[in-house]
């Protein structure tokens, strides 16, 4: 089985957080949409085993995402795991819940889930809470396949951009953030940002993202030409 090796990683108390996080994402991508129970349980236990300090690290958020990928588009099948997530440490509980529901109902146009996410975005954040980020992305993911609903959610996101918490504004502005990072002096950061631009625009034919990528391509070509001339 593909996941036998990752199980050893999850069971290793000395495994660093970054290895656990990227192992989880890899499992989510390999078993996407499968609801594989063994992988689900392995990731849940990995989340429960994280220390208080690790739960505050940004990398830990990749664990709920890997779990959510297993339920991508599965709707009701994700509800039981979302209930289990409510037993997690409060530092990751709501973030995990929002991520699971976002993935589980992606592309379904489920109005009730969109209203649920909007309700979460209307709450005032306590210090250290980050669950509104995946809630905003959940609005987009659930509504993206339904044209009328998509237009309505775009208007809702515009209101959130005006009146929402800072955390919400960051999630809405993800494209701009990635655009800035694509020019980062660190080549690995820039490459990751460029790939992310492609991922968030996948299948959309988004003119703005296409323009960004064309400009980056031209800039890289000019840089390469300049180096050759030198």
C-alpha atoms as a PDB file:
ATOM      1  CA  UNK A   1       0.000   0.000   0.000  1.00  0.00           C
ATOM      2  CA  UNK A   2       1.148   3.529  -0.822  1.00  0.00           C
ATOM      3  CA  UNK A   3       0.351   4.776   2.639  1.00  0.00           C
ATOM      4  CA  UNK A   4       2.341   2.167   4.647  1.00  0.00           C
ATOM      5  CA  UNK A   5       5.465   4.336   4.596  1.00  0.00           C
ATOM      6  CA  UNK A   6       3.639   7.536   5.697  1.00  0.00           C
ATOM      7  CA  UNK A   7       2.181   5.570   8.616  1.00  0.00           C
ATOM      8  CA  UNK A   8       5.706   5.031   9.895  1.00  0.00           C
ATOM      9  CA  UNK A   9       6.269   8.801   9.678  1.00  0.00           C
ATOM     10  CA  UNK A  10       3.114   9.532  11.685  1.00  0.00           C
ATOM     11  CA  UNK A  11       4.196   7.024  14.334  1.00  0.00           C
ATOM     12  CA  UNK A  12       7.678   8.493  14.679  1.00  0.00           C
ATOM     13  CA  UNK A  13       7.784  10.849  17.708  1.00  0.00           C
ATOM     14  CA  UNK A  14      10.921  12.466  16.287  1.00  0.00           C
ATOM     15  CA  UNK A  15       9.367  13.308  12.899  1.00  0.00           C
ATOM     16  CA  UNK A  16       9.460  17.108  12.413  1.00  0.00           C
ATOM     17  CA  UNK A  17       6.255  19.039  11.795  1.00  0.00           C
ATOM     18  CA  UNK A  18       7.119  19.907   8.184  1.00  0.00           C
ATOM     19  CA  UNK A  19       7.577  16.218   7.297  1.00  0.00           C
ATOM     20  CA  UNK A  20       4.240  15.315   8.929  1.00  0.00           C
ATOM     21  CA  UNK A  21       2.474  18.212   7.193  1.00  0.00           C
ATOM     22  CA  UNK A  22       3.717  17.389   3.692  1.00  0.00           C
ATOM     23  CA  UNK A  23       3.135  13.679   4.237  1.00  0.00           C
ATOM     24  CA  UNK A  24      -0.486  14.500   5.049  1.00  0.00           C
ATOM     25  CA  UNK A  25      -0.879  16.633   1.915  1.00  0.00           C
ATOM     26  CA  UNK A  26       0.678  13.857  -0.189  1.00  0.00           C
ATOM     27  CA  UNK A  27      -1.793  11.326   1.222  1.00  0.00           C
ATOM     28  CA  UNK A  28      -4.666  13.719   0.576  1.00  0.00           C
ATOM     29  CA  UNK A  29      -3.628  14.137  -3.058  1.00  0.00           C
ATOM     30  CA  UNK A  30      -3.072  10.414  -3.633  1.00  0.00           C
ATOM     31  CA  UNK A  31      -6.365   9.372  -2.010  1.00  0.00           C
ATOM     32  CA  UNK A  32      -8.396  12.452  -3.001  1.00  0.00           C
ATOM     33  CA  UNK A  33     -12.190  11.911  -3.028  1.00  0.00           C
ATOM     34  CA  UNK A  34     -11.761   8.355  -1.683  1.00  0.00           C
ATOM     35  CA  UNK A  35     -12.840   8.662   1.997  1.00  0.00           C
ATOM     36  CA  UNK A  36     -10.200   6.004   2.722  1.00  0.00           C
ATOM     37  CA  UNK A  37     -10.858   5.121   6.366  1.00  0.00           C
ATOM     38  CA  UNK A  38      -7.327   4.003   7.214  1.00  0.00           C
ATOM     39  CA  UNK A  39      -5.812   7.226   5.889  1.00  0.00           C
ATOM     40  CA  UNK A  40      -8.536   9.299   7.579  1.00  0.00           C
ATOM     41  CA  UNK A  41      -7.813   7.696  10.961  1.00  0.00           C
ATOM     42  CA  UNK A  42      -4.049   8.093  10.506  1.00  0.00           C
ATOM     43  CA  UNK A  43      -4.400  11.845   9.832  1.00  0.00           C
ATOM     44  CA  UNK A  44      -6.873  12.326  12.705  1.00  0.00           C
ATOM     45  CA  UNK A  45      -4.468  10.647  15.147  1.00  0.00           C
ATOM     46  CA  UNK A  46      -1.604  12.739  13.754  1.00  0.00           C
ATOM     47  CA  UNK A  47      -3.635  15.879  14.481  1.00  0.00           C
ATOM     48  CA  UNK A  48      -4.450  14.712  17.997  1.00  0.00           C
ATOM     49  CA  UNK A  49      -0.770  13.978  18.674  1.00  0.00           C
ATOM     50  CA  UNK A  50       0.405  17.510  17.903  1.00  0.00           C
ATOM     51  CA  UNK A  51       1.687  19.514  20.841  1.00  0.00           C
ATOM     52  CA  UNK A  52       0.122  22.777  22.004  1.00  0.00           C
ATOM     53  CA  UNK A  53       2.953  24.778  20.462  1.00  0.00           C
ATOM     54  CA  UNK A  54       2.845  22.927  17.118  1.00  0.00           C
ATOM     55  CA  UNK A  55      -0.894  23.563  16.811  1.00  0.00           C
ATOM     56  CA  UNK A  56      -0.110  27.269  16.622  1.00  0.00           C
ATOM     57  CA  UNK A  57       2.267  26.795  13.689  1.00  0.00           C
ATOM     58  CA  UNK A  58       1.005  27.627  10.154  1.00  0.00           C
ATOM     59  CA  UNK A  59       2.261  24.261   8.831  1.00  0.00           C
ATOM     60  CA  UNK A  60      -0.215  22.438  11.074  1.00  0.00           C
ATOM     61  CA  UNK A  61      -3.037  23.817   8.916  1.00  0.00           C
ATOM     62  CA  UNK A  62      -1.933  21.472   6.136  1.00  0.00           C
ATOM     63  CA  UNK A  63      -3.157  18.512   8.198  1.00  0.00           C
ATOM     64  CA  UNK A  64      -6.854  19.532   8.048  1.00  0.00           C
ATOM     65  CA  UNK A  65      -6.390  20.294   4.345  1.00  0.00           C
ATOM     66  CA  UNK A  66      -4.997  16.816   3.670  1.00  0.00           C
ATOM     67  CA  UNK A  67      -7.943  15.376   5.582  1.00  0.00           C
ATOM     68  CA  UNK A  68     -10.378  17.538   3.626  1.00  0.00           C
ATOM     69  CA  UNK A  69      -9.001  16.358   0.273  1.00  0.00           C
ATOM     70  CA  UNK A  70     -10.067  12.810   1.149  1.00  0.00           C
ATOM     71  CA  UNK A  71     -13.673  14.066   1.257  1.00  0.00           C
ATOM     72  CA  UNK A  72     -13.519  16.415  -1.739  1.00  0.00           C
ATOM     73  CA  UNK A  73     -17.064  16.770  -3.078  1.00  0.00           C
ATOM     74  CA  UNK A  74     -18.390  13.960  -0.856  1.00  0.00           C
ATOM     75  CA  UNK A  75     -20.975  16.169   0.912  1.00  0.00           C
ATOM     76  CA  UNK A  76     -22.732  14.209   3.685  1.00  0.00           C
ATOM     77  CA  UNK A  77     -19.821  11.773   4.040  1.00  0.00           C
ATOM     78  CA  UNK A  78     -17.722  14.562   5.544  1.00  0.00           C
ATOM     79  CA  UNK A  79     -20.212  15.371   8.309  1.00  0.00           C
ATOM     80  CA  UNK A  80     -19.138  12.569  10.667  1.00  0.00           C
ATOM     81  CA  UNK A  81     -15.478  13.561  10.432  1.00  0.00           C
ATOM     82  CA  UNK A  82     -16.459  17.213  10.908  1.00  0.00           C
ATOM     83  CA  UNK A  83     -18.139  16.117  14.151  1.00  0.00           C
ATOM     84  CA  UNK A  84     -14.933  14.335  15.203  1.00  0.00           C
ATOM     85  CA  UNK A  85     -12.968  17.529  14.512  1.00  0.00           C
ATOM     86  CA  UNK A  86     -14.974  19.255  17.247  1.00  0.00           C
ATOM     87  CA  UNK A  87     -13.103  17.118  19.794  1.00  0.00           C
ATOM     88  CA  UNK A  88      -9.728  18.531  18.688  1.00  0.00           C
ATOM     89  CA  UNK A  89      -7.749  21.119  20.597  1.00  0.00           C
ATOM     90  CA  UNK A  90      -9.481  24.511  20.412  1.00  0.00           C
ATOM     91  CA  UNK A  91      -6.475  25.982  18.561  1.00  0.00           C
ATOM     92  CA  UNK A  92      -7.266  23.895  15.464  1.00  0.00           C
ATOM     93  CA  UNK A  93     -10.903  22.851  16.032  1.00  0.00           C
ATOM     94  CA  UNK A  94     -12.804  25.484  14.060  1.00  0.00           C
ATOM     95  CA  UNK A  95     -10.136  25.740  11.378  1.00  0.00           C
ATOM     96  CA  UNK A  96     -10.414  21.995  10.769  1.00  0.00           C
ATOM     97  CA  UNK A  97     -14.222  22.130  10.744  1.00  0.00           C
ATOM     98  CA  UNK A  98     -14.295  24.929   8.135  1.00  0.00           C
ATOM     99  CA  UNK A  99     -11.676  23.200   5.968  1.00  0.00           C
ATOM    100  CA  UNK A 100     -13.513  19.864   5.999  1.00  0.00           C
ATOM    101  CA  UNK A 101     -16.861  21.416   5.088  1.00  0.00           C
ATOM    102  CA  UNK A 102     -15.254  23.565   2.368  1.00  0.00           C
ATOM    103  CA  UNK A 103     -13.732  20.515   0.706  1.00  0.00           C
ATOM    104  CA  UNK A 104     -16.722  18.228   1.299  1.00  0.00           C
ATOM    105  CA  UNK A 105     -19.213  20.587  -0.349  1.00  0.00           C
ATOM    106  CA  UNK A 106     -16.898  22.027  -3.028  1.00  0.00           C
ATOM    107  CA  UNK A 107     -18.720  22.637  -6.293  1.00  0.00           C
ATOM    108  CA  UNK A 108     -22.142  21.622  -4.926  1.00  0.00           C
ATOM    109  CA  UNK A 109     -23.762  25.064  -4.751  1.00  0.00           C
ATOM    110  CA  UNK A 110     -25.215  24.145  -1.341  1.00  0.00           C
ATOM    111  CA  UNK A 111     -26.921  27.350  -0.160  1.00  0.00           C
ATOM    112  CA  UNK A 112     -27.105  26.271   3.486  1.00  0.00           C
ATOM    113  CA  UNK A 113     -23.352  25.703   3.655  1.00  0.00           C
ATOM    114  CA  UNK A 114     -22.664  29.073   2.046  1.00  0.00           C
ATOM    115  CA  UNK A 115     -24.904  30.714   4.662  1.00  0.00           C
ATOM    116  CA  UNK A 116     -23.038  28.794   7.365  1.00  0.00           C
ATOM    117  CA  UNK A 117     -19.701  30.125   6.112  1.00  0.00           C
ATOM    118  CA  UNK A 118     -21.057  33.668   5.888  1.00  0.00           C
ATOM    119  CA  UNK A 119     -22.245  33.352   9.481  1.00  0.00           C
ATOM    120  CA  UNK A 120     -18.749  32.310  10.565  1.00  0.00           C
ATOM    121  CA  UNK A 121     -17.278  35.312   8.734  1.00  0.00           C
ATOM    122  CA  UNK A 122     -19.621  37.629  10.626  1.00  0.00           C
ATOM    123  CA  UNK A 123     -18.215  36.531  13.999  1.00  0.00           C
ATOM    124  CA  UNK A 124     -15.661  38.552  15.917  1.00  0.00           C
ATOM    125  CA  UNK A 125     -12.371  36.686  16.168  1.00  0.00           C
ATOM    126  CA  UNK A 126     -10.750  35.859  19.470  1.00  0.00           C
ATOM    127  CA  UNK A 127      -6.979  36.242  19.657  1.00  0.00           C
ATOM    128  CA  UNK A 128      -5.183  33.558  17.666  1.00  0.00           C
ATOM    129  CA  UNK A 129      -8.247  32.282  15.770  1.00  0.00           C
ATOM    130  CA  UNK A 130      -7.828  31.735  12.017  1.00  0.00           C
ATOM    131  CA  UNK A 131     -10.930  29.812  10.960  1.00  0.00           C
ATOM    132  CA  UNK A 132     -12.386  32.651   8.892  1.00  0.00           C
ATOM    133  CA  UNK A 133      -9.734  32.128   6.200  1.00  0.00           C
ATOM    134  CA  UNK A 134     -11.020  28.671   5.155  1.00  0.00           C
ATOM    135  CA  UNK A 135     -14.597  29.914   5.653  1.00  0.00           C
ATOM    136  CA  UNK A 136     -14.042  32.577   2.968  1.00  0.00           C
ATOM    137  CA  UNK A 137     -12.439  30.021   0.655  1.00  0.00           C
ATOM    138  CA  UNK A 138     -15.347  27.696   1.443  1.00  0.00           C
ATOM    139  CA  UNK A 139     -17.826  30.260   0.104  1.00  0.00           C
ATOM    140  CA  UNK A 140     -15.946  30.346  -3.191  1.00  0.00           C
ATOM    141  CA  UNK A 141     -15.417  26.570  -3.369  1.00  0.00           C
ATOM    142  CA  UNK A 142     -19.069  25.685  -2.719  1.00  0.00           C
ATOM    143  CA  UNK A 143     -20.481  28.300  -5.122  1.00  0.00           C
ATOM    144  CA  UNK A 144     -17.964  27.973  -7.977  1.00  0.00           C
ATOM    145  CA  UNK A 145     -19.990  25.493 -10.070  1.00  0.00           C
ATOM    146  CA  UNK A 146     -23.294  27.375 -10.045  1.00  0.00           C
ATOM    147  CA  UNK A 147     -23.432  30.569 -12.124  1.00  0.00           C
ATOM    148  CA  UNK A 148     -26.217  32.448 -10.303  1.00  0.00           C
ATOM    149  CA  UNK A 149     -24.899  31.502  -6.869  1.00  0.00           C
ATOM    150  CA  UNK A 150     -21.405  32.529  -7.914  1.00  0.00           C
ATOM    151  CA  UNK A 151     -22.574  36.042  -8.817  1.00  0.00           C
ATOM    152  CA  UNK A 152     -24.309  36.356  -5.445  1.00  0.00           C
ATOM    153  CA  UNK A 153     -21.241  35.166  -3.550  1.00  0.00           C
ATOM    154  CA  UNK A 154     -18.998  37.624  -5.381  1.00  0.00           C
ATOM    155  CA  UNK A 155     -21.195  40.424  -4.037  1.00  0.00           C
ATOM    156  CA  UNK A 156     -21.054  38.882  -0.556  1.00  0.00           C
ATOM    157  CA  UNK A 157     -17.263  38.736  -0.712  1.00  0.00           C
ATOM    158  CA  UNK A 158     -17.142  42.386  -1.732  1.00  0.00           C
ATOM    159  CA  UNK A 159     -19.057  43.241   1.465  1.00  0.00           C
ATOM    160  CA  UNK A 160     -16.683  41.063   3.498  1.00  0.00           C
ATOM    161  CA  UNK A 161     -13.763  42.866   1.921  1.00  0.00           C
ATOM    162  CA  UNK A 162     -15.201  46.191   3.088  1.00  0.00           C
ATOM    163  CA  UNK A 163     -16.440  45.294   6.548  1.00  0.00           C
ATOM    164  CA  UNK A 164     -14.822  41.967   7.511  1.00  0.00           C
ATOM    165  CA  UNK A 165     -12.001  41.180   9.905  1.00  0.00           C
ATOM    166  CA  UNK A 166      -8.396  41.488   8.731  1.00  0.00           C
ATOM    167  CA  UNK A 167      -8.169  37.698   8.466  1.00  0.00           C
ATOM    168  CA  UNK A 168     -11.035  37.702   5.946  1.00  0.00           C
ATOM    169  CA  UNK A 169      -9.476  40.434   3.858  1.00  0.00           C
ATOM    170  CA  UNK A 170      -6.274  38.403   3.622  1.00  0.00           C
ATOM    171  CA  UNK A 171      -8.206  35.394   2.309  1.00  0.00           C
ATOM    172  CA  UNK A 172     -10.090  37.480  -0.280  1.00  0.00           C
ATOM    173  CA  UNK A 173      -6.836  39.065  -1.421  1.00  0.00           C
ATOM    174  CA  UNK A 174      -5.021  35.738  -1.885  1.00  0.00           C
ATOM    175  CA  UNK A 175      -4.421  36.431  -5.594  1.00  0.00           C
ATOM    176  CA  UNK A 176      -2.722  39.752  -4.875  1.00  0.00           C
ATOM    177  CA  UNK A 177      -0.621  38.164  -2.148  1.00  0.00           C
ATOM    178  CA  UNK A 178       0.562  35.404  -4.469  1.00  0.00           C
ATOM    179  CA  UNK A 179       1.307  37.954  -7.183  1.00  0.00           C
ATOM    180  CA  UNK A 180       3.621  39.837  -4.814  1.00  0.00           C
ATOM    181  CA  UNK A 181       5.295  36.628  -3.636  1.00  0.00           C
ATOM    182  CA  UNK A 182       5.932  35.559  -7.240  1.00  0.00           C
ATOM    183  CA  UNK A 183       8.534  38.364  -7.371  1.00  0.00           C
ATOM    184  CA  UNK A 184      10.196  37.352  -4.089  1.00  0.00           C
ATOM    185  CA  UNK A 185      13.991  37.296  -3.975  1.00  0.00           C
ATOM    186  CA  UNK A 186      13.843  33.736  -2.620  1.00  0.00           C
ATOM    187  CA  UNK A 187      13.474  31.566  -5.738  1.00  0.00           C
ATOM    188  CA  UNK A 188      11.648  28.768  -3.872  1.00  0.00           C
ATOM    189  CA  UNK A 189       9.045  31.206  -2.530  1.00  0.00           C
ATOM    190  CA  UNK A 190       8.589  32.731  -5.997  1.00  0.00           C
ATOM    191  CA  UNK A 191       8.202  29.318  -7.670  1.00  0.00           C
ATOM    192  CA  UNK A 192       5.680  28.152  -5.042  1.00  0.00           C
ATOM    193  CA  UNK A 193       3.659  31.356  -5.536  1.00  0.00           C
ATOM    194  CA  UNK A 194       3.613  30.896  -9.332  1.00  0.00           C
ATOM    195  CA  UNK A 195       2.385  27.296  -8.987  1.00  0.00           C
ATOM    196  CA  UNK A 196      -0.247  28.472  -6.475  1.00  0.00           C
ATOM    197  CA  UNK A 197      -1.515  31.085  -8.943  1.00  0.00           C
ATOM    198  CA  UNK A 198      -2.032  28.299 -11.455  1.00  0.00           C
ATOM    199  CA  UNK A 199      -3.821  26.135  -8.886  1.00  0.00           C
ATOM    200  CA  UNK A 200      -6.288  28.775  -7.680  1.00  0.00           C
ATOM    201  CA  UNK A 201      -7.100  29.689 -11.299  1.00  0.00           C
ATOM    202  CA  UNK A 202      -7.298  26.101 -12.568  1.00  0.00           C
ATOM    203  CA  UNK A 203     -10.170  25.658 -15.019  1.00  0.00           C
ATOM    204  CA  UNK A 204     -11.354  29.270 -14.712  1.00  0.00           C
ATOM    205  CA  UNK A 205      -9.567  30.911 -17.673  1.00  0.00           C
ATOM    206  CA  UNK A 206      -9.102  33.880 -15.318  1.00  0.00           C
ATOM    207  CA  UNK A 207      -7.808  36.762 -17.433  1.00  0.00           C
ATOM    208  CA  UNK A 208      -6.054  38.474 -14.532  1.00  0.00           C
ATOM    209  CA  UNK A 209      -4.079  35.400 -13.506  1.00  0.00           C
ATOM    210  CA  UNK A 210      -3.247  34.671 -17.151  1.00  0.00           C
ATOM    211  CA  UNK A 211      -1.896  38.219 -17.476  1.00  0.00           C
ATOM    212  CA  UNK A 212       0.204  37.831 -14.323  1.00  0.00           C
ATOM    213  CA  UNK A 213       1.720  34.581 -15.591  1.00  0.00           C
ATOM    214  CA  UNK A 214       2.423  36.032 -19.041  1.00  0.00           C
ATOM    215  CA  UNK A 215       4.184  39.016 -17.458  1.00  0.00           C
ATOM    216  CA  UNK A 216       6.243  36.684 -15.268  1.00  0.00           C
ATOM    217  CA  UNK A 217       7.159  34.600 -18.288  1.00  0.00           C
ATOM    218  CA  UNK A 218       8.286  37.721 -20.177  1.00  0.00           C
ATOM    219  CA  UNK A 219      10.290  38.955 -17.184  1.00  0.00           C
ATOM    220  CA  UNK A 220      12.063  35.615 -16.798  1.00  0.00           C
ATOM    221  CA  UNK A 221      12.820  35.496 -20.536  1.00  0.00           C
ATOM    222  CA  UNK A 222      14.272  39.020 -20.449  1.00  0.00           C
ATOM    223  CA  UNK A 223      16.367  38.117 -17.385  1.00  0.00           C
ATOM    224  CA  UNK A 224      17.686  34.989 -19.084  1.00  0.00           C
ATOM    225  CA  UNK A 225      18.500  36.992 -22.239  1.00  0.00           C
ATOM    226  CA  UNK A 226      20.351  39.594 -20.166  1.00  0.00           C
ATOM    227  CA  UNK A 227      22.426  36.904 -18.470  1.00  0.00           C
ATOM    228  CA  UNK A 228      23.379  35.406 -21.825  1.00  0.00           C
ATOM    229  CA  UNK A 229      24.447  38.799 -23.188  1.00  0.00           C
ATOM    230  CA  UNK A 230      26.651  39.367 -20.147  1.00  0.00           C
END
